[in-house]
N, C-alpha and C. Protein backbone atom coordinates (compact mmCIF):
# COMPACT_ATOMS: atom_id res chain seq x y z
N UNK A 1 -39.85 -39.03 -1.10
CA UNK A 1 -39.02 -40.18 -0.82
C UNK A 1 -38.45 -40.12 0.60
N UNK A 2 -38.13 -38.93 1.05
CA UNK A 2 -37.62 -38.80 2.42
C UNK A 2 -38.68 -39.27 3.41
N UNK A 3 -39.93 -38.97 3.14
CA UNK A 3 -41.02 -39.40 4.01
C UNK A 3 -41.08 -40.91 4.11
N UNK A 4 -40.92 -41.60 2.98
CA UNK A 4 -40.93 -43.06 3.00
C UNK A 4 -39.75 -43.62 3.78
N UNK A 5 -38.61 -42.97 3.68
CA UNK A 5 -37.43 -43.40 4.44
C UNK A 5 -37.70 -43.25 5.93
N UNK A 6 -38.28 -42.14 6.31
CA UNK A 6 -38.61 -41.91 7.73
C UNK A 6 -39.63 -42.93 8.21
N UNK A 7 -40.69 -43.12 7.45
CA UNK A 7 -41.73 -44.08 7.85
C UNK A 7 -41.19 -45.51 7.88
N UNK A 8 -40.27 -45.82 7.00
CA UNK A 8 -39.75 -47.17 6.90
C UNK A 8 -38.75 -47.55 7.97
N UNK A 9 -38.16 -46.56 8.64
CA UNK A 9 -37.12 -46.92 9.59
C UNK A 9 -37.24 -46.27 10.97
N UNK A 10 -37.86 -45.14 11.08
CA UNK A 10 -37.88 -44.46 12.37
C UNK A 10 -38.76 -45.16 13.39
N UNK A 11 -39.66 -46.04 12.95
CA UNK A 11 -40.47 -46.82 13.89
C UNK A 11 -39.58 -47.76 14.70
N UNK A 12 -38.40 -48.08 14.15
CA UNK A 12 -37.47 -48.96 14.87
C UNK A 12 -37.04 -48.32 16.19
N UNK A 13 -36.93 -47.01 16.19
CA UNK A 13 -36.55 -46.28 17.40
C UNK A 13 -37.59 -46.47 18.49
N UNK A 14 -38.84 -46.52 18.11
CA UNK A 14 -39.93 -46.62 19.08
C UNK A 14 -40.16 -48.06 19.53
N UNK A 15 -40.33 -48.96 18.56
CA UNK A 15 -40.73 -50.32 18.90
C UNK A 15 -39.58 -51.23 19.32
N UNK A 16 -38.42 -51.08 18.72
CA UNK A 16 -37.28 -51.91 19.10
C UNK A 16 -36.33 -51.19 20.05
N UNK A 17 -36.60 -49.92 20.29
CA UNK A 17 -35.79 -49.11 21.21
C UNK A 17 -34.31 -49.20 20.87
N UNK A 18 -33.98 -48.90 19.61
CA UNK A 18 -32.59 -48.99 19.17
C UNK A 18 -31.70 -47.92 19.79
N UNK A 19 -32.27 -46.81 20.21
CA UNK A 19 -31.52 -45.80 20.96
C UNK A 19 -30.64 -44.88 20.12
N UNK A 20 -30.83 -44.86 18.82
CA UNK A 20 -30.01 -44.00 17.98
C UNK A 20 -30.29 -42.53 18.26
N UNK A 21 -31.54 -42.17 18.41
CA UNK A 21 -31.87 -40.76 18.67
C UNK A 21 -31.47 -40.32 20.07
N UNK A 22 -31.38 -41.26 21.00
CA UNK A 22 -30.89 -40.92 22.34
C UNK A 22 -29.39 -40.63 22.31
N UNK A 23 -28.71 -41.17 21.31
CA UNK A 23 -27.27 -40.95 21.15
C UNK A 23 -27.03 -40.17 19.85
N UNK A 24 -27.77 -39.09 19.68
CA UNK A 24 -27.75 -38.35 18.41
C UNK A 24 -26.37 -37.76 18.12
N UNK A 25 -25.63 -37.34 19.15
CA UNK A 25 -24.28 -36.80 18.91
C UNK A 25 -23.40 -37.85 18.23
N UNK A 26 -23.50 -39.06 18.71
CA UNK A 26 -22.72 -40.17 18.13
C UNK A 26 -23.10 -40.39 16.67
N UNK A 27 -24.39 -40.38 16.38
CA UNK A 27 -24.86 -40.56 15.01
C UNK A 27 -24.39 -39.41 14.12
N UNK A 28 -24.50 -38.19 14.62
CA UNK A 28 -24.09 -37.04 13.83
C UNK A 28 -22.59 -37.03 13.57
N UNK A 29 -21.81 -37.53 14.52
CA UNK A 29 -20.36 -37.63 14.30
C UNK A 29 -20.03 -38.60 13.18
N UNK A 30 -20.91 -39.54 12.94
CA UNK A 30 -20.74 -40.47 11.82
C UNK A 30 -21.25 -39.89 10.51
N UNK A 31 -22.35 -39.16 10.59
CA UNK A 31 -23.03 -38.68 9.39
C UNK A 31 -22.42 -37.40 8.83
N UNK A 32 -22.15 -36.43 9.67
CA UNK A 32 -21.76 -35.10 9.19
C UNK A 32 -20.47 -35.05 8.38
N UNK A 33 -19.42 -35.78 8.74
CA UNK A 33 -18.22 -35.72 7.89
C UNK A 33 -18.48 -36.19 6.46
N UNK A 34 -19.22 -37.26 6.32
CA UNK A 34 -19.52 -37.79 4.98
C UNK A 34 -20.49 -36.87 4.26
N UNK A 35 -21.51 -36.39 4.96
CA UNK A 35 -22.48 -35.47 4.35
C UNK A 35 -21.78 -34.20 3.87
N UNK A 36 -20.81 -33.73 4.63
CA UNK A 36 -20.07 -32.53 4.24
C UNK A 36 -19.35 -32.72 2.91
N UNK A 37 -18.75 -33.88 2.74
CA UNK A 37 -18.06 -34.17 1.47
C UNK A 37 -19.06 -34.16 0.32
N UNK A 38 -20.21 -34.77 0.51
CA UNK A 38 -21.21 -34.81 -0.56
C UNK A 38 -21.79 -33.42 -0.84
N UNK A 39 -21.95 -32.61 0.19
CA UNK A 39 -22.45 -31.25 -0.02
C UNK A 39 -21.42 -30.42 -0.80
N UNK A 40 -20.16 -30.58 -0.45
CA UNK A 40 -19.10 -29.89 -1.21
C UNK A 40 -19.12 -30.35 -2.66
N UNK A 41 -19.29 -31.64 -2.87
CA UNK A 41 -19.37 -32.16 -4.24
C UNK A 41 -20.58 -31.57 -4.97
N UNK A 42 -21.72 -31.49 -4.30
CA UNK A 42 -22.91 -30.88 -4.90
C UNK A 42 -22.65 -29.43 -5.29
N UNK A 43 -22.02 -28.68 -4.38
CA UNK A 43 -21.70 -27.28 -4.68
C UNK A 43 -20.84 -27.17 -5.93
N UNK A 44 -19.84 -28.03 -6.03
CA UNK A 44 -18.97 -28.04 -7.21
C UNK A 44 -19.76 -28.39 -8.46
N UNK A 45 -20.55 -29.45 -8.39
CA UNK A 45 -21.31 -29.90 -9.56
C UNK A 45 -22.33 -28.86 -10.01
N UNK A 46 -22.97 -28.19 -9.06
CA UNK A 46 -23.94 -27.14 -9.40
C UNK A 46 -23.22 -25.96 -10.06
N UNK A 47 -22.09 -25.56 -9.48
CA UNK A 47 -21.36 -24.40 -10.01
C UNK A 47 -20.83 -24.65 -11.42
N UNK A 48 -20.53 -25.89 -11.74
CA UNK A 48 -20.01 -26.24 -13.07
C UNK A 48 -21.12 -26.57 -14.06
N UNK A 49 -22.36 -26.58 -13.60
CA UNK A 49 -23.47 -26.88 -14.48
C UNK A 49 -23.67 -28.36 -14.75
N UNK A 50 -23.00 -29.21 -13.96
CA UNK A 50 -23.13 -30.66 -14.14
C UNK A 50 -24.37 -31.21 -13.44
N UNK A 51 -24.91 -30.45 -12.53
CA UNK A 51 -26.00 -30.94 -11.70
C UNK A 51 -26.99 -29.81 -11.48
N UNK A 52 -28.26 -30.14 -11.51
CA UNK A 52 -29.28 -29.15 -11.21
C UNK A 52 -30.47 -29.86 -10.57
N UNK A 53 -31.37 -29.08 -10.02
CA UNK A 53 -32.55 -29.62 -9.37
C UNK A 53 -33.79 -29.12 -10.10
N UNK A 54 -34.66 -30.03 -10.45
CA UNK A 54 -35.89 -29.70 -11.16
C UNK A 54 -36.82 -28.94 -10.21
N UNK A 55 -37.18 -27.73 -10.57
CA UNK A 55 -38.01 -26.87 -9.72
C UNK A 55 -39.36 -27.50 -9.40
N UNK A 56 -39.85 -28.36 -10.26
CA UNK A 56 -41.14 -29.01 -10.01
C UNK A 56 -41.04 -30.17 -9.02
N UNK A 57 -39.83 -30.59 -8.71
CA UNK A 57 -39.63 -31.75 -7.84
C UNK A 57 -39.15 -31.37 -6.44
N UNK A 58 -38.96 -30.08 -6.20
CA UNK A 58 -38.46 -29.64 -4.89
C UNK A 58 -39.42 -28.62 -4.28
N UNK A 59 -39.25 -28.36 -2.99
CA UNK A 59 -40.13 -27.43 -2.28
C UNK A 59 -39.82 -25.97 -2.59
N UNK A 60 -38.60 -25.69 -3.02
CA UNK A 60 -38.21 -24.31 -3.30
C UNK A 60 -37.54 -23.62 -2.13
N UNK A 61 -37.19 -24.39 -1.11
CA UNK A 61 -36.46 -23.85 0.05
C UNK A 61 -34.99 -24.21 -0.16
N UNK A 62 -34.14 -23.18 -0.23
CA UNK A 62 -32.74 -23.41 -0.55
C UNK A 62 -31.84 -23.02 0.62
N UNK A 63 -30.77 -23.77 0.79
CA UNK A 63 -29.73 -23.44 1.75
C UNK A 63 -28.59 -22.76 1.03
N UNK A 64 -27.44 -22.74 1.67
CA UNK A 64 -26.29 -22.08 1.05
C UNK A 64 -25.89 -22.78 -0.25
N UNK A 65 -25.40 -21.99 -1.17
CA UNK A 65 -24.93 -22.53 -2.44
C UNK A 65 -26.03 -22.97 -3.38
N UNK A 66 -27.27 -22.63 -3.06
CA UNK A 66 -28.37 -23.02 -3.93
C UNK A 66 -28.78 -24.48 -3.81
N UNK A 67 -28.37 -25.11 -2.72
CA UNK A 67 -28.74 -26.51 -2.51
C UNK A 67 -30.11 -26.56 -1.83
N UNK A 68 -31.05 -27.30 -2.40
CA UNK A 68 -32.39 -27.36 -1.81
C UNK A 68 -32.43 -28.14 -0.50
N UNK A 69 -33.43 -27.81 0.31
CA UNK A 69 -33.63 -28.46 1.60
C UNK A 69 -33.64 -29.98 1.47
N UNK A 70 -34.28 -30.48 0.44
CA UNK A 70 -34.40 -31.93 0.26
C UNK A 70 -33.04 -32.61 0.16
N UNK A 71 -32.08 -31.93 -0.42
CA UNK A 71 -30.74 -32.51 -0.57
C UNK A 71 -30.05 -32.61 0.79
N UNK A 72 -30.18 -31.58 1.60
CA UNK A 72 -29.63 -31.63 2.96
C UNK A 72 -30.31 -32.74 3.77
N UNK A 73 -31.62 -32.84 3.65
CA UNK A 73 -32.34 -33.90 4.35
C UNK A 73 -31.90 -35.28 3.89
N UNK A 74 -31.70 -35.43 2.58
CA UNK A 74 -31.26 -36.71 2.04
C UNK A 74 -29.93 -37.13 2.67
N UNK A 75 -29.00 -36.20 2.78
CA UNK A 75 -27.68 -36.52 3.31
C UNK A 75 -27.66 -36.76 4.81
N UNK A 76 -28.76 -36.45 5.51
CA UNK A 76 -28.82 -36.73 6.94
C UNK A 76 -29.82 -37.83 7.28
N UNK A 77 -31.00 -37.80 6.67
CA UNK A 77 -32.05 -38.76 7.01
C UNK A 77 -31.70 -40.17 6.53
N UNK A 78 -31.20 -40.31 5.32
CA UNK A 78 -30.90 -41.65 4.79
C UNK A 78 -29.81 -42.35 5.62
N UNK A 79 -28.68 -41.69 5.93
CA UNK A 79 -27.70 -42.36 6.80
C UNK A 79 -28.24 -42.65 8.20
N UNK A 80 -29.06 -41.75 8.74
CA UNK A 80 -29.66 -41.99 10.05
C UNK A 80 -30.56 -43.22 10.00
N UNK A 81 -31.32 -43.36 8.94
CA UNK A 81 -32.17 -44.54 8.76
C UNK A 81 -31.33 -45.81 8.65
N UNK A 82 -30.21 -45.72 7.96
CA UNK A 82 -29.32 -46.88 7.83
C UNK A 82 -28.74 -47.28 9.18
N UNK A 83 -28.34 -46.30 9.97
CA UNK A 83 -27.81 -46.59 11.31
C UNK A 83 -28.89 -47.23 12.17
N UNK A 84 -30.12 -46.72 12.10
CA UNK A 84 -31.22 -47.31 12.86
C UNK A 84 -31.47 -48.76 12.44
N UNK A 85 -31.40 -49.02 11.15
CA UNK A 85 -31.62 -50.38 10.66
C UNK A 85 -30.54 -51.32 11.15
N UNK A 86 -29.29 -50.89 11.08
CA UNK A 86 -28.18 -51.72 11.56
C UNK A 86 -28.33 -51.99 13.06
N UNK A 87 -28.67 -50.96 13.82
CA UNK A 87 -28.86 -51.13 15.27
C UNK A 87 -30.04 -52.06 15.55
N UNK A 88 -31.10 -51.97 14.76
CA UNK A 88 -32.27 -52.84 14.95
C UNK A 88 -31.91 -54.30 14.71
N UNK A 89 -31.09 -54.56 13.70
CA UNK A 89 -30.64 -55.94 13.45
C UNK A 89 -29.89 -56.45 14.68
N UNK A 90 -29.04 -55.62 15.25
CA UNK A 90 -28.32 -56.02 16.45
C UNK A 90 -29.24 -56.30 17.62
N UNK A 91 -30.26 -55.48 17.80
CA UNK A 91 -31.23 -55.68 18.90
C UNK A 91 -31.95 -57.01 18.71
N UNK A 92 -32.43 -57.27 17.51
CA UNK A 92 -33.17 -58.51 17.24
C UNK A 92 -32.26 -59.72 17.43
N UNK A 93 -31.03 -59.64 16.95
CA UNK A 93 -30.11 -60.77 17.09
C UNK A 93 -29.76 -61.03 18.55
N UNK A 94 -29.62 -59.97 19.34
CA UNK A 94 -29.31 -60.17 20.77
C UNK A 94 -30.46 -60.84 21.50
N UNK A 95 -31.69 -60.58 21.05
CA UNK A 95 -32.87 -61.14 21.72
C UNK A 95 -33.20 -62.55 21.27
N UNK A 96 -32.64 -63.01 20.17
CA UNK A 96 -33.01 -64.30 19.61
C UNK A 96 -31.75 -65.14 19.36
N UNK A 97 -31.48 -66.06 20.25
CA UNK A 97 -30.27 -66.88 20.20
C UNK A 97 -30.14 -67.68 18.91
N UNK A 98 -31.26 -68.16 18.35
CA UNK A 98 -31.17 -69.02 17.16
C UNK A 98 -30.75 -68.25 15.90
N UNK A 99 -30.74 -66.90 15.95
CA UNK A 99 -30.32 -66.11 14.80
C UNK A 99 -28.83 -65.79 14.83
N UNK A 100 -28.14 -66.31 15.82
CA UNK A 100 -26.70 -66.07 15.92
C UNK A 100 -25.95 -67.18 15.22
N UNK A 101 -24.90 -66.81 14.54
CA UNK A 101 -24.13 -67.77 13.76
C UNK A 101 -22.65 -67.67 14.11
N UNK A 102 -21.95 -68.78 13.92
CA UNK A 102 -20.49 -68.80 14.06
C UNK A 102 -20.02 -68.28 15.40
N UNK A 103 -19.13 -67.30 15.36
CA UNK A 103 -18.52 -66.79 16.59
C UNK A 103 -19.42 -65.79 17.33
N UNK A 104 -20.64 -65.58 16.86
CA UNK A 104 -21.57 -64.70 17.56
C UNK A 104 -22.15 -65.36 18.81
N UNK A 105 -22.08 -66.69 18.88
CA UNK A 105 -22.66 -67.41 20.03
C UNK A 105 -21.76 -67.38 21.22
């Protein structure tokens, strides 16, 4: 699923030149605080037995606390893709006057 997220949005960086990867520090400042909260929540849920990862559905590469690589990627790649999508909408709207509404004109 992470691959589909990457394929579905990272092309925006190349073709629409959204510039998110050029400003990666800015993106990470948005992503990491929220991702940290979710990772802490995962650690808690795993330790209490409320959450587990199916060994057949993961690569078997684990980070701290027994959290699989895919979970860390999910918490970074999905928000990065969302930021790229939002930036792409802005790029397209700036280039096309007829797509602007209300006080955007």
